[in-house]
Protein backbone atom coordinates (compact mmCIF):
# COMPACT_ATOMS: atom_id res chain seq x y z
CA MET A 1 0.00 0.00 0.00
CA SER A 2 1.26 3.47 -0.89
CA TYR A 3 -0.11 6.77 0.41
CA PRO A 4 1.05 10.39 -0.09
CA HIS A 5 0.79 11.25 3.62
CA LEU A 6 1.67 7.92 5.23
CA ILE A 7 4.70 5.66 5.24
CA THR A 8 3.96 1.95 5.59
CA GLU A 9 6.63 -0.66 6.10
CA ARG A 10 6.15 -4.38 6.64
CA ASP A 11 8.63 -6.10 8.92
CA GLY A 12 7.56 -9.72 9.14
CA ALA A 13 4.37 -9.74 11.21
CA ILE A 14 4.86 -6.07 12.16
CA GLU A 15 3.29 -3.20 10.23
CA ARG A 16 5.05 0.11 10.82
CA LEU A 17 2.81 3.09 10.05
CA THR A 18 4.24 6.61 10.09
CA LEU A 19 2.33 9.86 9.69
CA ASN A 20 4.32 11.68 7.04
CA ARG A 21 3.49 15.39 7.00
CA PRO A 22 6.46 16.63 9.04
CA GLN A 23 6.31 20.10 7.48
CA VAL A 24 3.02 20.68 9.34
CA ARG A 25 3.89 18.53 12.38
CA ASN A 26 1.86 15.62 10.98
CA ALA A 27 -1.39 17.54 11.35
CA PHE A 28 -4.58 16.02 9.96
CA ASN A 29 -6.20 17.16 6.77
CA GLU A 30 -8.97 15.56 4.71
CA GLU A 31 -6.51 13.56 2.66
CA MET A 32 -4.65 12.04 5.59
CA ILE A 33 -7.92 11.17 7.32
CA GLY A 34 -9.06 9.34 4.17
CA GLU A 35 -5.73 7.55 3.85
CA LEU A 36 -5.77 6.37 7.46
CA THR A 37 -9.34 5.11 7.05
CA ASP A 38 -8.47 3.22 3.88
CA TRP A 39 -5.27 1.83 5.42
CA ALA A 40 -7.16 0.59 8.48
CA ALA A 41 -9.75 -1.18 6.34
CA ALA A 42 -7.06 -2.93 4.31
CA ILE A 43 -4.80 -3.93 7.19
CA SER A 44 -7.74 -5.35 9.15
CA LEU A 45 -8.11 -7.99 6.43
CA ASP A 46 -4.43 -8.97 6.41
CA PRO A 47 -3.92 -12.13 8.51
CA GLY A 48 -0.15 -11.77 8.32
CA VAL A 49 -0.09 -8.65 10.50
CA ARG A 50 0.05 -9.27 14.24
CA VAL A 51 0.92 -5.80 15.54
CA VAL A 52 1.04 -2.22 14.22
CA VAL A 53 3.44 0.49 15.40
CA LEU A 54 2.16 4.05 14.84
CA ALA A 55 4.69 6.89 14.79
CA GLY A 56 5.15 10.39 13.38
CA ALA A 57 7.85 11.62 11.02
CA GLY A 58 10.00 14.57 12.02
CA ALA A 59 9.92 16.37 15.36
CA THR A 60 6.28 15.77 16.35
CA PHE A 61 3.95 12.81 16.63
CA CYS A 62 0.79 14.71 15.61
CA ALA A 63 -0.21 18.33 16.24
CA GLY A 64 -3.92 17.81 15.62
CA ALA A 65 -5.80 19.56 12.83
CA ASP A 66 -4.06 21.27 9.94
CA LEU A 67 -4.49 25.06 10.00
CA ALA A 68 -5.42 25.19 6.32
CA TRP A 69 -8.07 22.53 6.86
CA MET A 70 -9.48 24.39 9.89
CA ALA A 71 -9.59 27.62 7.86
CA LYS A 72 -11.74 25.88 5.24
CA THR A 73 -14.25 24.69 7.84
CA ILE A 74 -15.02 28.28 8.82
CA GLU A 75 -16.88 28.60 5.53
CA PHE A 76 -18.60 25.21 5.78
CA SER A 77 -22.34 24.91 6.33
CA GLU A 78 -23.55 22.95 9.34
CA LYS A 79 -24.18 19.91 7.12
CA GLU A 80 -20.71 20.16 5.58
CA ASN A 81 -19.22 20.35 9.08
CA VAL A 82 -21.25 17.32 10.18
CA ASP A 83 -20.08 15.33 7.16
CA ASP A 84 -16.48 16.40 7.78
CA ALA A 85 -16.65 15.39 11.45
CA ILE A 86 -18.20 12.03 10.61
CA ARG A 87 -15.28 11.25 8.30
CA ALA A 88 -12.86 11.99 11.14
CA SER A 89 -14.93 9.95 13.60
CA THR A 90 -14.95 7.03 11.17
CA MET A 91 -11.16 7.18 10.97
CA PHE A 92 -10.69 7.10 14.75
CA ALA A 93 -13.18 4.23 15.05
CA ALA A 94 -11.37 2.27 12.33
CA LEU A 95 -8.07 2.62 14.18
CA ASP A 96 -9.69 1.83 17.52
CA GLN A 97 -11.25 -1.35 16.13
CA LEU A 98 -8.19 -2.81 14.41
CA PRO A 99 -8.16 -6.56 15.14
CA MET A 100 -4.47 -6.44 16.05
CA PRO A 101 -2.75 -4.32 18.75
CA LEU A 102 -1.89 -0.73 17.82
CA VAL A 103 1.25 0.50 19.61
CA GLY A 104 1.78 4.26 19.71
CA ARG A 105 5.29 5.75 19.63
CA VAL A 106 4.81 9.35 20.78
CA HIS A 107 7.44 12.07 20.69
CA GLY A 108 7.34 15.86 20.48
CA ALA A 109 3.65 16.54 20.92
CA ALA A 110 0.25 14.86 20.64
CA LEU A 111 -2.33 17.64 20.61
CA GLY A 112 -6.04 17.65 19.83
CA GLY A 113 -6.62 14.84 17.37
CA GLY A 114 -3.03 13.74 17.98
CA ALA A 115 -3.94 13.05 21.60
CA GLY A 116 -6.99 11.28 20.21
CA LEU A 117 -4.66 9.00 18.28
CA ALA A 118 -2.93 8.12 21.56
CA ALA A 119 -6.34 7.29 22.99
CA VAL A 120 -7.13 4.73 20.28
CA CYS A 121 -3.77 3.00 20.64
CA ASP A 122 -3.77 -0.14 22.76
CA VAL A 123 -0.31 0.56 24.18
CA VAL A 124 1.46 3.92 24.11
CA VAL A 125 5.12 4.67 24.79
CA ALA A 126 5.99 8.36 25.13
CA ASP A 127 9.20 10.32 25.14
CA GLU A 128 9.51 11.96 28.57
CA HIS A 129 9.61 15.38 26.88
CA ALA A 130 6.38 14.85 24.90
CA LEU A 131 3.46 17.23 25.45
CA PHE A 132 -0.21 16.33 25.27
CA GLY A 133 -3.36 18.40 25.19
CA PHE A 134 -7.03 18.42 24.30
CA THR A 135 -6.70 22.01 23.23
CA GLU A 136 -9.86 22.48 21.16
CA VAL A 137 -11.65 24.77 23.65
CA LYS A 138 -8.79 27.24 23.29
CA LEU A 139 -10.10 27.70 19.73
CA GLY A 140 -13.74 27.86 20.76
CA ILE A 141 -14.52 24.36 19.50
CA LEU A 142 -14.75 20.90 21.09
CA PRO A 143 -12.78 17.62 21.29
CA ALA A 144 -16.07 16.05 20.24
CA VAL A 145 -15.01 13.45 17.68
CA ILE A 146 -12.28 12.01 19.90
CA SER A 147 -14.28 12.23 23.13
CA PRO A 148 -15.71 8.66 23.19
CA PHE A 149 -12.24 7.19 22.82
CA VAL A 150 -10.57 9.57 25.26
CA VAL A 151 -13.20 9.23 28.00
CA ALA A 152 -13.02 5.43 27.66
CA LYS A 153 -9.24 5.66 28.08
CA VAL A 154 -8.77 8.26 30.84
CA GLY A 155 -12.17 8.43 32.57
CA ARG A 156 -14.60 11.25 33.27
CA SER A 157 -12.59 13.00 35.97
CA ALA A 158 -9.48 13.55 33.85
CA ALA A 159 -11.61 14.43 30.84
CA ARG A 160 -13.44 17.10 32.83
CA GLU A 161 -10.20 18.75 33.82
CA LEU A 162 -8.41 18.46 30.50
CA PHE A 163 -11.29 19.07 28.09
CA LEU A 164 -12.51 22.12 30.00
CA THR A 165 -9.14 23.80 30.51
CA GLY A 166 -7.58 22.84 27.19
CA ARG A 167 -4.23 22.95 28.92
CA ARG A 168 -1.17 21.13 27.70
CA PHE A 169 0.24 18.51 30.03
CA PRO A 170 3.46 16.50 30.21
CA ALA A 171 4.01 12.84 29.53
CA SER A 172 4.13 12.16 33.27
CA ARG A 173 0.54 13.38 33.60
CA ALA A 174 -0.49 11.34 30.56
CA LEU A 175 0.98 8.31 32.33
CA ASP A 176 -0.92 9.08 35.54
CA ILE A 177 -4.30 9.17 33.77
CA GLY A 178 -3.66 6.12 31.59
CA LEU A 179 -3.40 7.90 28.25
CA VAL A 180 0.09 6.43 27.89
CA HIS A 181 1.60 3.33 29.47
CA GLU A 182 5.35 3.95 29.55
CA VAL A 183 7.37 7.18 29.64
CA VAL A 184 11.04 6.89 28.76
CA PRO A 185 14.04 9.05 27.84
CA PRO A 186 14.23 9.84 24.10
CA GLU A 187 17.11 7.46 23.59
CA ASP A 188 15.04 4.58 24.98
CA LEU A 189 11.87 5.24 22.98
CA GLU A 190 12.60 2.88 20.11
CA SER A 191 13.92 0.01 22.24
CA THR A 192 10.92 0.22 24.59
CA VAL A 193 8.49 0.07 21.69
CA GLU A 194 10.35 -2.94 20.31
CA LYS A 195 10.22 -4.65 23.71
CA ILE A 196 6.43 -4.30 23.73
CA VAL A 197 6.21 -5.57 20.16
CA ARG A 198 8.22 -8.65 21.12
CA GLU A 199 5.90 -9.27 24.08
CA ILE A 200 2.90 -9.17 21.76
CA LEU A 201 4.53 -11.49 19.23
CA ALA A 202 5.15 -14.01 22.01
CA CYS A 203 1.38 -14.30 22.51
CA GLY A 204 -1.14 -16.30 20.53
CA PRO A 205 -2.29 -14.01 17.69
CA GLU A 206 -5.88 -15.24 17.75
CA ALA A 207 -5.97 -14.90 21.54
CA VAL A 208 -4.67 -11.32 21.34
CA ALA A 209 -7.38 -10.39 18.82
CA ALA A 210 -10.02 -12.09 20.99
CA ALA A 211 -8.75 -10.30 24.11
CA LYS A 212 -9.04 -6.95 22.35
CA LEU A 213 -12.65 -7.72 21.45
CA LEU A 214 -13.30 -8.94 24.99
CA ILE A 215 -12.27 -5.60 26.49
CA ALA A 216 -14.67 -3.72 24.22
CA ASP A 217 -17.40 -6.21 25.08
CA VAL A 218 -17.19 -6.18 28.89
CA TRP A 219 -15.83 -2.81 30.00
CA ASP A 220 -19.29 -1.30 30.62
CA LYS A 221 -20.95 -4.43 32.01
CA THR A 222 -21.34 -5.78 35.51
CA PRO A 223 -19.82 -9.20 36.33
CA ALA A 224 -23.30 -10.71 36.27
CA GLU A 225 -24.04 -9.22 32.85
CA ALA A 226 -20.71 -10.41 31.50
CA ARG A 227 -20.65 -13.89 33.07
CA ASP A 228 -22.22 -15.88 30.23
CA ARG A 229 -20.31 -14.20 27.41
CA THR A 230 -16.96 -14.40 29.22
CA ALA A 231 -17.47 -18.08 30.00
CA ARG A 232 -18.25 -18.78 26.35
CA ALA A 233 -15.28 -16.69 25.19
CA LEU A 234 -12.90 -18.68 27.39
CA ALA A 235 -14.41 -22.00 26.33
CA ARG A 236 -13.97 -21.11 22.65
CA ARG A 237 -10.31 -20.32 23.18
CA ARG A 238 -9.66 -23.51 25.15
CA ILE A 239 -10.99 -25.74 22.38
CA ALA A 240 -9.48 -23.73 19.51
CA PRO A 241 -6.29 -25.15 17.92
CA GLU A 242 -4.28 -22.15 19.10
CA GLY A 243 -5.50 -22.53 22.67
CA GLN A 244 -4.82 -26.26 22.60
CA GLU A 245 -1.30 -25.64 21.31
CA GLY A 246 -0.60 -22.98 23.93
CA LEU A 247 -1.78 -25.11 26.82
CA ARG A 248 0.15 -28.17 25.61
CA ALA A 249 3.30 -26.10 25.07
CA PHE A 250 3.06 -24.77 28.62
CA LEU A 251 2.59 -28.24 30.10
CA GLU A 252 5.40 -29.65 27.95
CA LYS A 253 7.71 -26.76 28.86
CA ARG A 254 8.33 -25.68 25.27
CA LYS A 255 7.58 -22.62 23.17
CA PRO A 256 4.24 -22.63 21.31
CA GLY A 257 4.34 -22.88 17.56
CA TRP A 258 3.49 -19.21 16.94
CA SER A 259 6.57 -17.96 18.83
CA ARG A 260 9.11 -20.01 16.95
CA GLU A 261 11.38 -17.95 14.75
């Protein structure tokens, strides 16, 4: 796959996806939103991909919306703005619902929609100098499109503070609220991401995909509401060939077939 605003690189079972608009700090415009949506649809159907690493080219992960794109929306009608927002929402949902883990590699800044990208990643590693912010209210608008993903990730309390103030916050704060999972010095960013990728590749690929679906299925349910579906989910994995192989490998003190290089 080739895209003007994205770099894609296949490394065995790893897909490396890089936002490639460094001249505007990898800010979103209509074209990049469309490309990310199309890429997500295609990669979701590729059984050879077990993990995706998302990064940004240049000095910044993603600075949010492109200024030229925002200037155009000033002249949009309400319907045109609704259509535009739905396209962005569709993109975030497509990334959020990838069947394989999405690992974010954040450096520089993740602002507005860039922070939304961090929210749809399953695991995020951030440079200790990275800045985050849901800065939309500073412009008189809202972090509306990203809000379902952000609130699910950081909770209502943090969202109330950060959505309503629009303030920028450091990687340490992003770690505290669960927006990111590891904060490391710049020189350790790449090796930490690769460590997480290796951990994922050591797991059963079907089990990882099922676990990702399980989280989406049960996070808003009580234990009683979830009991039947979780029991069935576990039973399906136990009788599946991958589950059988994993359990036998454990009992026989050997590596399972999927982790052999």
